[in-house]
Amino acid sequence: MKILVTGGDGQLAKDVVWAARAAGYDVEAVSRERLDITNEAKVIAALSSWRPELIVNCAAWTAVDACEGDPERAHLVNATGVSNLLRGAATGNSHVVHISTDYVFDGTKDGPYIEADDTNPQSVYGQSKLAGEQIAIAGGATVVRTSWVCGYGGNNMVKTILRLAKEHDELTFVDDQRGHPSFTADLAPRLLDLGLARQAGLFHLTNQGAVSWFEFARDVLSAAGHDPERVSPIATADLQPQRPAPRPSNSVLANDAILTAGFGPLLRDFREPLAELVTQLTTVD
């Protein structure tokens, strides 16, 4: 089995590569420098030559606030790039797993979002990712929406919270945005399961346990042996300065469809991989 992972410098891609190698697969990760998915001709040429059986697309422009100021680039990477990959994949009958996001929802639902819920992205990032997932679904790909992604190999909120805890005695995080933190070490093997089975369709995949960013920050400090009382809550409307891109207040994704399709069990409660990641990060320090 030959697997290609795009967005190779990202935290999710790194754990997909690790999981694939651990399972004995022939896997290669490519960064934007090696394969710019926005260049259709180069994508088709590369995939025609490499002919992977599975492509896991972790490439995306995820700078949510920056996307607000450059919608054209956001759609080029997050939508047109997906179309280019699907065209290239067709040259070798490759199956594509594409990663999407909770930002396709407006966050106003009372309760967890299921795959069939209406989408209504409020940000350029969310709009571009919705366009990308629609292209992927139409092309027979596996589309996986996840949220609040954290891993050892990239920038994320766990690293940010630990850094801020070193620099400040008191921390403040919003308590009116809720979601499921998701850890790449748990996500990656399940993405491979879906891709190797060529399971087309749309799935939500997150670790379990819904929290606010305020509660998550407290959990991170607790896992690192710090006093969680150092974290105080704040409303999103009171943040200064305000962020350019709206965030969904409810990002909780129900994971029932992946169970129905036979790809269980649910991923662990997020506090377990959180403790493992904090141990990794603090041991290195």
C-alpha atoms as a PDB file:
ATOM      1  CA  MET A   1       0.000   0.000   0.000  1.00  0.00           C
ATOM      2  CA  LYS A   2       1.422   3.356  -1.085  1.00  0.00           C
ATOM      3  CA  ILE A   3       0.117   6.394   0.791  1.00  0.00           C
ATOM      4  CA  LEU A   4       0.703  10.076   0.085  1.00  0.00           C
ATOM      5  CA  VAL A   5       0.085  12.703   2.775  1.00  0.00           C
ATOM      6  CA  THR A   6      -0.205  16.349   1.737  1.00  0.00           C
ATOM      7  CA  GLY A   7       0.443  19.263   4.060  1.00  0.00           C
ATOM      8  CA  GLY A   8       3.385  17.278   5.353  1.00  0.00           C
ATOM      9  CA  ASP A   9       4.678  19.965   7.715  1.00  0.00           C
ATOM     10  CA  GLY A  10       1.460  20.049   9.744  1.00  0.00           C
ATOM     11  CA  GLN A  11       0.745  18.345  13.039  1.00  0.00           C
ATOM     12  CA  LEU A  12      -1.944  16.021  11.713  1.00  0.00           C
ATOM     13  CA  ALA A  13       0.086  14.993   8.674  1.00  0.00           C
ATOM     14  CA  LYS A  14       3.042  14.094  10.886  1.00  0.00           C
ATOM     15  CA  ASP A  15       0.949  11.723  12.975  1.00  0.00           C
ATOM     16  CA  VAL A  16      -0.696  10.215   9.883  1.00  0.00           C
ATOM     17  CA  VAL A  17       2.784   9.430   8.578  1.00  0.00           C
ATOM     18  CA  TRP A  18       3.827   7.972  11.915  1.00  0.00           C
ATOM     19  CA  ALA A  19       0.705   5.783  12.104  1.00  0.00           C
ATOM     20  CA  ALA A  20       1.107   4.593   8.512  1.00  0.00           C
ATOM     21  CA  ARG A  21       4.749   3.670   9.028  1.00  0.00           C
ATOM     22  CA  ALA A  22       3.926   1.909  12.292  1.00  0.00           C
ATOM     23  CA  ALA A  23       1.413  -0.187  10.347  1.00  0.00           C
ATOM     24  CA  GLY A  24       4.034  -1.079   7.737  1.00  0.00           C
ATOM     25  CA  TYR A  25       2.757   1.024   4.835  1.00  0.00           C
ATOM     26  CA  ASP A  26       4.863   2.813   2.243  1.00  0.00           C
ATOM     27  CA  VAL A  27       4.087   6.440   3.060  1.00  0.00           C
ATOM     28  CA  GLU A  28       5.446   9.756   1.884  1.00  0.00           C
ATOM     29  CA  ALA A  29       4.600  13.226   3.153  1.00  0.00           C
ATOM     30  CA  VAL A  30       4.895  16.272   0.914  1.00  0.00           C
ATOM     31  CA  SER A  31       4.967  19.893   2.013  1.00  0.00           C
ATOM     32  CA  ARG A  32       3.752  22.797  -0.107  1.00  0.00           C
ATOM     33  CA  GLU A  33       7.300  23.248  -1.390  1.00  0.00           C
ATOM     34  CA  ARG A  34       7.239  19.764  -2.915  1.00  0.00           C
ATOM     35  CA  LEU A  35       3.616  19.719  -4.021  1.00  0.00           C
ATOM     36  CA  ASP A  36       1.579  22.912  -4.175  1.00  0.00           C
ATOM     37  CA  ILE A  37      -1.988  21.637  -4.440  1.00  0.00           C
ATOM     38  CA  THR A  38      -3.107  24.935  -5.992  1.00  0.00           C
ATOM     39  CA  ASN A  39      -1.111  24.109  -9.147  1.00  0.00           C
ATOM     40  CA  GLU A  40      -3.337  21.761 -11.110  1.00  0.00           C
ATOM     41  CA  ALA A  41      -0.780  20.773 -13.753  1.00  0.00           C
ATOM     42  CA  LYS A  42       1.875  19.904 -11.179  1.00  0.00           C
ATOM     43  CA  VAL A  43      -0.586  17.958  -9.035  1.00  0.00           C
ATOM     44  CA  ILE A  44      -1.776  15.859 -11.963  1.00  0.00           C
ATOM     45  CA  ALA A  45       1.786  15.245 -13.155  1.00  0.00           C
ATOM     46  CA  ALA A  46       3.006  14.287  -9.693  1.00  0.00           C
ATOM     47  CA  LEU A  47       0.140  11.915  -8.914  1.00  0.00           C
ATOM     48  CA  SER A  48       0.314  10.352 -12.367  1.00  0.00           C
ATOM     49  CA  SER A  49       3.954   9.584 -11.614  1.00  0.00           C
ATOM     50  CA  TRP A  50       3.702   8.587  -7.942  1.00  0.00           C
ATOM     51  CA  ARG A  51       0.381   6.717  -8.257  1.00  0.00           C
ATOM     52  CA  PRO A  52      -0.423   6.344  -4.542  1.00  0.00           C
ATOM     53  CA  GLU A  53      -3.367   4.138  -3.652  1.00  0.00           C
ATOM     54  CA  LEU A  54      -4.430   6.492  -0.856  1.00  0.00           C
ATOM     55  CA  ILE A  55      -4.068  10.265  -0.483  1.00  0.00           C
ATOM     56  CA  VAL A  56      -4.678  11.888   2.901  1.00  0.00           C
ATOM     57  CA  ASN A  57      -5.148  15.596   2.294  1.00  0.00           C
ATOM     58  CA  CYS A  58      -3.969  17.526   5.330  1.00  0.00           C
ATOM     59  CA  ALA A  59      -3.011  20.558   3.241  1.00  0.00           C
ATOM     60  CA  ALA A  60      -5.031  23.670   4.097  1.00  0.00           C
ATOM     61  CA  TRP A  61      -4.738  27.326   4.921  1.00  0.00           C
ATOM     62  CA  THR A  62      -5.922  27.299   8.523  1.00  0.00           C
ATOM     63  CA  ALA A  63      -4.975  30.853   9.573  1.00  0.00           C
ATOM     64  CA  VAL A  64      -8.590  31.692  10.345  1.00  0.00           C
ATOM     65  CA  ASP A  65      -8.160  35.427  10.857  1.00  0.00           C
ATOM     66  CA  ALA A  66      -5.781  35.856   7.926  1.00  0.00           C
ATOM     67  CA  CYS A  67      -8.334  34.175   5.646  1.00  0.00           C
ATOM     68  CA  GLU A  68     -10.741  37.044   6.332  1.00  0.00           C
ATOM     69  CA  GLY A  69      -8.353  39.420   4.608  1.00  0.00           C
ATOM     70  CA  ASP A  70      -7.575  37.183   1.628  1.00  0.00           C
ATOM     71  CA  PRO A  71     -10.652  35.206   0.539  1.00  0.00           C
ATOM     72  CA  GLU A  72      -9.130  34.435  -2.850  1.00  0.00           C
ATOM     73  CA  ARG A  73      -6.156  32.644  -1.328  1.00  0.00           C
ATOM     74  CA  ALA A  74      -8.382  30.833   1.165  1.00  0.00           C
ATOM     75  CA  HIS A  75     -10.582  29.420  -1.596  1.00  0.00           C
ATOM     76  CA  LEU A  76      -7.607  28.647  -3.814  1.00  0.00           C
ATOM     77  CA  VAL A  77      -5.995  26.436  -1.169  1.00  0.00           C
ATOM     78  CA  ASN A  78      -9.034  25.061   0.658  1.00  0.00           C
ATOM     79  CA  ALA A  79     -11.337  24.479  -2.324  1.00  0.00           C
ATOM     80  CA  THR A  80      -9.548  24.647  -5.681  1.00  0.00           C
ATOM     81  CA  GLY A  81      -6.660  22.657  -4.233  1.00  0.00           C
ATOM     82  CA  VAL A  82      -9.077  19.861  -3.327  1.00  0.00           C
ATOM     83  CA  SER A  83     -10.425  19.803  -6.865  1.00  0.00           C
ATOM     84  CA  ASN A  84      -6.892  19.547  -8.226  1.00  0.00           C
ATOM     85  CA  LEU A  85      -6.103  16.612  -5.947  1.00  0.00           C
ATOM     86  CA  LEU A  86      -9.218  14.757  -7.026  1.00  0.00           C
ATOM     87  CA  ARG A  87      -8.329  15.229 -10.686  1.00  0.00           C
ATOM     88  CA  GLY A  88      -4.859  13.926 -10.007  1.00  0.00           C
ATOM     89  CA  ALA A  89      -6.169  11.041  -7.936  1.00  0.00           C
ATOM     90  CA  ALA A  90      -8.378   9.946 -10.818  1.00  0.00           C
ATOM     91  CA  THR A  91      -5.312   9.286 -12.967  1.00  0.00           C
ATOM     92  CA  GLY A  92      -4.328   6.407 -10.704  1.00  0.00           C
ATOM     93  CA  ASN A  93      -7.603   5.412  -9.067  1.00  0.00           C
ATOM     94  CA  SER A  94      -6.387   6.806  -5.740  1.00  0.00           C
ATOM     95  CA  HIS A  95      -8.815   7.250  -2.881  1.00  0.00           C
ATOM     96  CA  VAL A  96      -8.770  10.614  -1.096  1.00  0.00           C
ATOM     97  CA  VAL A  97      -9.362  11.361   2.569  1.00  0.00           C
ATOM     98  CA  HIS A  98      -9.996  15.085   3.014  1.00  0.00           C
ATOM     99  CA  ILE A  99      -9.946  16.932   6.346  1.00  0.00           C
ATOM    100  CA  SER A 100     -12.626  19.528   7.084  1.00  0.00           C
ATOM    101  CA  THR A 101     -13.695  21.533  10.105  1.00  0.00           C
ATOM    102  CA  ASP A 102     -16.349  22.537  12.619  1.00  0.00           C
ATOM    103  CA  TYR A 103     -16.201  26.058  11.127  1.00  0.00           C
ATOM    104  CA  VAL A 104     -18.667  24.983   8.426  1.00  0.00           C
ATOM    105  CA  PHE A 105     -21.379  25.486  11.088  1.00  0.00           C
ATOM    106  CA  ASP A 106     -22.557  28.797  12.543  1.00  0.00           C
ATOM    107  CA  GLY A 107     -22.470  27.483  16.102  1.00  0.00           C
ATOM    108  CA  THR A 108     -26.054  28.362  16.992  1.00  0.00           C
ATOM    109  CA  LYS A 109     -27.443  24.850  17.389  1.00  0.00           C
ATOM    110  CA  ASP A 110     -28.522  23.734  20.845  1.00  0.00           C
ATOM    111  CA  GLY A 111     -26.738  20.399  21.018  1.00  0.00           C
ATOM    112  CA  PRO A 112     -24.066  18.506  19.069  1.00  0.00           C
ATOM    113  CA  TYR A 113     -23.951  18.848  15.298  1.00  0.00           C
ATOM    114  CA  ILE A 114     -24.548  15.773  13.162  1.00  0.00           C
ATOM    115  CA  GLU A 115     -23.365  15.347   9.589  1.00  0.00           C
ATOM    116  CA  ALA A 116     -26.834  16.019   8.166  1.00  0.00           C
ATOM    117  CA  ASP A 117     -27.236  19.397   9.875  1.00  0.00           C
ATOM    118  CA  ASP A 118     -27.403  22.477   7.674  1.00  0.00           C
ATOM    119  CA  THR A 119     -24.102  24.255   7.245  1.00  0.00           C
ATOM    120  CA  ASN A 120     -23.825  28.017   7.580  1.00  0.00           C
ATOM    121  CA  PRO A 121     -20.197  29.134   7.867  1.00  0.00           C
ATOM    122  CA  GLN A 122     -19.707  32.632   9.245  1.00  0.00           C
ATOM    123  CA  SER A 123     -16.052  33.105   8.280  1.00  0.00           C
ATOM    124  CA  VAL A 124     -14.097  33.065   5.036  1.00  0.00           C
ATOM    125  CA  TYR A 125     -12.160  30.107   6.376  1.00  0.00           C
ATOM    126  CA  GLY A 126     -15.351  28.168   7.050  1.00  0.00           C
ATOM    127  CA  GLN A 127     -16.785  29.077   3.653  1.00  0.00           C
ATOM    128  CA  SER A 128     -13.642  27.929   1.863  1.00  0.00           C
ATOM    129  CA  LYS A 129     -13.534  24.671   3.803  1.00  0.00           C
ATOM    130  CA  LEU A 130     -17.207  24.003   3.076  1.00  0.00           C
ATOM    131  CA  ALA A 131     -16.543  24.514  -0.634  1.00  0.00           C
ATOM    132  CA  GLY A 132     -13.646  22.076  -0.394  1.00  0.00           C
ATOM    133  CA  GLU A 133     -15.625  19.380   1.356  1.00  0.00           C
ATOM    134  CA  GLN A 134     -18.479  19.689  -1.138  1.00  0.00           C
ATOM    135  CA  ILE A 135     -15.989  19.143  -3.976  1.00  0.00           C
ATOM    136  CA  ALA A 136     -14.509  16.168  -2.155  1.00  0.00           C
ATOM    137  CA  ILE A 137     -17.883  14.535  -1.463  1.00  0.00           C
ATOM    138  CA  ALA A 138     -18.939  14.960  -5.087  1.00  0.00           C
ATOM    139  CA  GLY A 139     -15.686  13.286  -6.095  1.00  0.00           C
ATOM    140  CA  GLY A 140     -16.274  10.175  -3.964  1.00  0.00           C
ATOM    141  CA  ALA A 141     -13.764  11.042  -1.246  1.00  0.00           C
ATOM    142  CA  THR A 142     -13.884  10.448   2.483  1.00  0.00           C
ATOM    143  CA  VAL A 143     -14.492  13.762   4.233  1.00  0.00           C
ATOM    144  CA  VAL A 144     -13.726  14.021   7.940  1.00  0.00           C
ATOM    145  CA  ARG A 145     -14.736  17.049   9.975  1.00  0.00           C
ATOM    146  CA  THR A 146     -12.778  17.527  13.162  1.00  0.00           C
ATOM    147  CA  SER A 147     -12.239  20.333  15.676  1.00  0.00           C
ATOM    148  CA  TRP A 148      -9.760  21.990  18.051  1.00  0.00           C
ATOM    149  CA  VAL A 149      -6.853  19.928  16.724  1.00  0.00           C
ATOM    150  CA  CYS A 150      -3.750  19.431  18.880  1.00  0.00           C
ATOM    151  CA  GLY A 151      -0.615  17.374  18.339  1.00  0.00           C
ATOM    152  CA  TYR A 152       3.049  17.152  19.139  1.00  0.00           C
ATOM    153  CA  GLY A 153       4.286  18.220  15.716  1.00  0.00           C
ATOM    154  CA  GLY A 154       2.770  21.668  15.238  1.00  0.00           C
ATOM    155  CA  ASN A 155       1.404  24.848  16.759  1.00  0.00           C
ATOM    156  CA  ASN A 156      -1.792  24.436  18.766  1.00  0.00           C
ATOM    157  CA  MET A 157      -3.619  25.616  21.870  1.00  0.00           C
ATOM    158  CA  VAL A 158      -1.932  23.160  24.232  1.00  0.00           C
ATOM    159  CA  LYS A 159       1.471  24.602  23.347  1.00  0.00           C
ATOM    160  CA  THR A 160       0.094  28.137  23.508  1.00  0.00           C
ATOM    161  CA  ILE A 161      -1.411  27.618  26.957  1.00  0.00           C
ATOM    162  CA  LEU A 162       1.786  26.071  28.317  1.00  0.00           C
ATOM    163  CA  ARG A 163       3.824  28.956  26.904  1.00  0.00           C
ATOM    164  CA  LEU A 164       1.483  31.566  28.350  1.00  0.00           C
ATOM    165  CA  ALA A 165       1.575  29.824  31.722  1.00  0.00           C
ATOM    166  CA  LYS A 166       5.344  30.357  31.799  1.00  0.00           C
ATOM    167  CA  GLU A 167       5.033  34.022  30.869  1.00  0.00           C
ATOM    168  CA  HIS A 168       2.051  35.126  32.977  1.00  0.00           C
ATOM    169  CA  ASP A 169       0.724  34.480  36.451  1.00  0.00           C
ATOM    170  CA  GLU A 170      -2.904  34.855  35.357  1.00  0.00           C
ATOM    171  CA  LEU A 171      -4.531  33.660  32.100  1.00  0.00           C
ATOM    172  CA  THR A 172      -7.885  34.520  30.526  1.00  0.00           C
ATOM    173  CA  PHE A 173      -9.828  32.340  28.058  1.00  0.00           C
ATOM    174  CA  VAL A 174     -13.319  32.527  26.626  1.00  0.00           C
ATOM    175  CA  ASP A 175     -16.029  30.469  28.282  1.00  0.00           C
ATOM    176  CA  ASP A 176     -18.733  30.824  25.607  1.00  0.00           C
ATOM    177  CA  GLN A 177     -17.130  28.786  22.827  1.00  0.00           C
ATOM    178  CA  ARG A 178     -17.501  25.022  23.292  1.00  0.00           C
ATOM    179  CA  GLY A 179     -16.120  22.106  21.356  1.00  0.00           C
ATOM    180  CA  HIS A 180     -14.360  18.758  21.391  1.00  0.00           C
ATOM    181  CA  PRO A 181     -10.554  18.966  21.593  1.00  0.00           C
ATOM    182  CA  SER A 182      -9.112  16.441  19.126  1.00  0.00           C
ATOM    183  CA  PHE A 183      -5.638  14.952  19.278  1.00  0.00           C
ATOM    184  CA  THR A 184      -3.739  13.928  16.178  1.00  0.00           C
ATOM    185  CA  ALA A 185      -2.304  10.802  17.779  1.00  0.00           C
ATOM    186  CA  ASP A 186      -5.875   9.450  18.035  1.00  0.00           C
ATOM    187  CA  LEU A 187      -7.217  10.950  14.803  1.00  0.00           C
ATOM    188  CA  ALA A 188      -4.505   9.664  12.497  1.00  0.00           C
ATOM    189  CA  PRO A 189      -5.061   5.879  12.783  1.00  0.00           C
ATOM    190  CA  ARG A 190      -8.809   6.267  12.278  1.00  0.00           C
ATOM    191  CA  LEU A 191      -8.272   8.403   9.167  1.00  0.00           C
ATOM    192  CA  LEU A 192      -6.172   5.579   7.766  1.00  0.00           C
ATOM    193  CA  ASP A 193      -8.873   3.033   8.616  1.00  0.00           C
ATOM    194  CA  LEU A 194     -11.447   5.045   6.667  1.00  0.00           C
ATOM    195  CA  GLY A 195      -9.108   5.630   3.750  1.00  0.00           C
ATOM    196  CA  LEU A 196      -7.864   2.075   3.420  1.00  0.00           C
ATOM    197  CA  ALA A 197     -11.478   0.891   3.385  1.00  0.00           C
ATOM    198  CA  ARG A 198     -12.268   3.542   0.734  1.00  0.00           C
ATOM    199  CA  GLN A 199     -15.230   4.566   2.857  1.00  0.00           C
ATOM    200  CA  ALA A 200     -16.701   7.466   0.919  1.00  0.00           C
ATOM    201  CA  GLY A 201     -18.932   9.992   2.665  1.00  0.00           C
ATOM    202  CA  LEU A 202     -18.958  12.576   5.424  1.00  0.00           C
ATOM    203  CA  PHE A 203     -17.958  11.840   9.011  1.00  0.00           C
ATOM    204  CA  HIS A 204     -17.354  13.734  12.228  1.00  0.00           C
ATOM    205  CA  LEU A 205     -14.310  12.534  14.137  1.00  0.00           C
ATOM    206  CA  THR A 206     -13.152  14.065  17.407  1.00  0.00           C
ATOM    207  CA  ASN A 207     -12.020  13.019  20.833  1.00  0.00           C
ATOM    208  CA  GLN A 208     -14.826  12.914  23.352  1.00  0.00           C
ATOM    209  CA  GLY A 209     -15.582  15.487  26.028  1.00  0.00           C
ATOM    210  CA  ALA A 210     -17.128  18.901  25.363  1.00  0.00           C
ATOM    211  CA  VAL A 211     -15.516  21.904  27.061  1.00  0.00           C
ATOM    212  CA  SER A 212     -15.106  25.639  26.673  1.00  0.00           C
ATOM    213  CA  TRP A 213     -11.683  27.116  25.924  1.00  0.00           C
ATOM    214  CA  PHE A 214     -11.674  28.325  29.541  1.00  0.00           C
ATOM    215  CA  GLU A 215     -12.248  24.785  30.805  1.00  0.00           C
ATOM    216  CA  PHE A 216      -9.722  23.369  28.356  1.00  0.00           C
ATOM    217  CA  ALA A 217      -7.044  25.805  29.530  1.00  0.00           C
ATOM    218  CA  ARG A 218      -7.684  24.692  33.114  1.00  0.00           C
ATOM    219  CA  ASP A 219      -7.351  21.053  32.041  1.00  0.00           C
ATOM    220  CA  VAL A 220      -4.045  21.803  30.312  1.00  0.00           C
ATOM    221  CA  LEU A 221      -2.654  23.498  33.431  1.00  0.00           C
ATOM    222  CA  SER A 222      -3.838  20.618  35.613  1.00  0.00           C
ATOM    223  CA  ALA A 223      -2.180  18.087  33.314  1.00  0.00           C
ATOM    224  CA  ALA A 224       1.063  20.067  33.572  1.00  0.00           C
ATOM    225  CA  GLY A 225       0.908  20.206  37.358  1.00  0.00           C
ATOM    226  CA  HIS A 226      -0.042  23.898  37.533  1.00  0.00           C
ATOM    227  CA  ASP A 227      -2.851  25.546  39.464  1.00  0.00           C
ATOM    228  CA  PRO A 228      -5.939  25.712  37.193  1.00  0.00           C
ATOM    229  CA  GLU A 229      -7.306  28.576  39.299  1.00  0.00           C
ATOM    230  CA  ARG A 230      -4.840  30.815  37.454  1.00  0.00           C
ATOM    231  CA  VAL A 231      -7.296  30.785  34.516  1.00  0.00           C
ATOM    232  CA  SER A 232     -10.214  33.220  34.466  1.00  0.00           C
ATOM    233  CA  PRO A 233     -13.209  33.235  32.080  1.00  0.00           C
ATOM    234  CA  ILE A 234     -14.120  35.991  29.649  1.00  0.00           C
ATOM    235  CA  ALA A 235     -16.926  36.389  27.098  1.00  0.00           C
ATOM    236  CA  THR A 236     -15.993  36.441  23.419  1.00  0.00           C
ATOM    237  CA  ALA A 237     -17.686  39.833  23.077  1.00  0.00           C
ATOM    238  CA  ASP A 238     -15.337  41.249  25.721  1.00  0.00           C
ATOM    239  CA  LEU A 239     -12.094  40.232  24.014  1.00  0.00           C
ATOM    240  CA  GLN A 240      -9.808  43.114  23.137  1.00  0.00           C
ATOM    241  CA  PRO A 241      -8.973  43.418  20.370  1.00  0.00           C
ATOM    242  CA  GLN A 242     -11.777  41.540  18.648  1.00  0.00           C
ATOM    243  CA  ARG A 243     -10.666  38.869  16.205  1.00  0.00           C
ATOM    244  CA  PRO A 244     -11.446  39.404  12.512  1.00  0.00           C
ATOM    245  CA  ALA A 245     -13.060  35.981  11.977  1.00  0.00           C
ATOM    246  CA  PRO A 246     -16.193  34.899  13.880  1.00  0.00           C
ATOM    247  CA  ARG A 247     -15.828  31.681  15.855  1.00  0.00           C
ATOM    248  CA  PRO A 248     -18.722  29.226  16.277  1.00  0.00           C
ATOM    249  CA  SER A 249     -19.942  29.320  19.854  1.00  0.00           C
ATOM    250  CA  ASN A 250     -20.933  25.650  19.561  1.00  0.00           C
ATOM    251  CA  SER A 251     -18.370  23.450  17.815  1.00  0.00           C
ATOM    252  CA  VAL A 252     -19.439  20.162  19.396  1.00  0.00           C
ATOM    253  CA  LEU A 253     -19.580  17.434  16.741  1.00  0.00           C
ATOM    254  CA  ALA A 254     -21.532  14.213  17.298  1.00  0.00           C
ATOM    255  CA  ASN A 255     -19.580  11.137  16.187  1.00  0.00           C
ATOM    256  CA  ASP A 256     -22.483   8.719  15.673  1.00  0.00           C
ATOM    257  CA  ALA A 257     -22.116   8.280  11.902  1.00  0.00           C
ATOM    258  CA  ILE A 258     -18.638   6.832  12.147  1.00  0.00           C
ATOM    259  CA  LEU A 259     -19.961   4.196  14.550  1.00  0.00           C
ATOM    260  CA  THR A 260     -22.860   3.387  12.243  1.00  0.00           C
ATOM    261  CA  ALA A 261     -20.382   2.845   9.415  1.00  0.00           C
ATOM    262  CA  GLY A 262     -18.476   0.336  11.544  1.00  0.00           C
ATOM    263  CA  PHE A 263     -15.385   2.415  12.320  1.00  0.00           C
ATOM    264  CA  GLY A 264     -15.629   2.479  16.096  1.00  0.00           C
ATOM    265  CA  PRO A 265     -14.993   2.708  18.902  1.00  0.00           C
ATOM    266  CA  LEU A 266     -15.271   6.405  19.652  1.00  0.00           C
ATOM    267  CA  LEU A 267     -11.982   8.157  20.241  1.00  0.00           C
ATOM    268  CA  ARG A 268     -10.941   8.506  23.861  1.00  0.00           C
ATOM    269  CA  ASP A 269     -11.956  11.270  26.235  1.00  0.00           C
ATOM    270  CA  PHE A 270      -9.636  14.123  25.294  1.00  0.00           C
ATOM    271  CA  ARG A 271      -8.089  14.287  28.759  1.00  0.00           C
ATOM    272  CA  GLU A 272      -6.214  11.030  28.145  1.00  0.00           C
ATOM    273  CA  PRO A 273      -4.297  12.121  25.016  1.00  0.00           C
ATOM    274  CA  LEU A 274      -3.969  15.594  26.547  1.00  0.00           C
ATOM    275  CA  ALA A 275      -2.059  14.126  29.490  1.00  0.00           C
ATOM    276  CA  GLU A 276       0.142  12.160  27.088  1.00  0.00           C
ATOM    277  CA  LEU A 277       0.887  15.225  24.977  1.00  0.00           C
ATOM    278  CA  VAL A 278       1.673  17.416  27.966  1.00  0.00           C
ATOM    279  CA  THR A 279       4.080  14.738  29.229  1.00  0.00           C
ATOM    280  CA  GLN A 280       5.791  14.685  25.808  1.00  0.00           C
ATOM    281  CA  LEU A 281       6.074  18.447  25.673  1.00  0.00           C
ATOM    282  CA  THR A 282       7.257  18.984  29.216  1.00  0.00           C
ATOM    283  CA  THR A 283       9.734  16.099  29.041  1.00  0.00           C
ATOM    284  CA  VAL A 284      11.337  17.715  26.003  1.00  0.00           C
ATOM    285  CA  ASP A 285      11.517  21.029  27.853  1.00  0.00           C
END
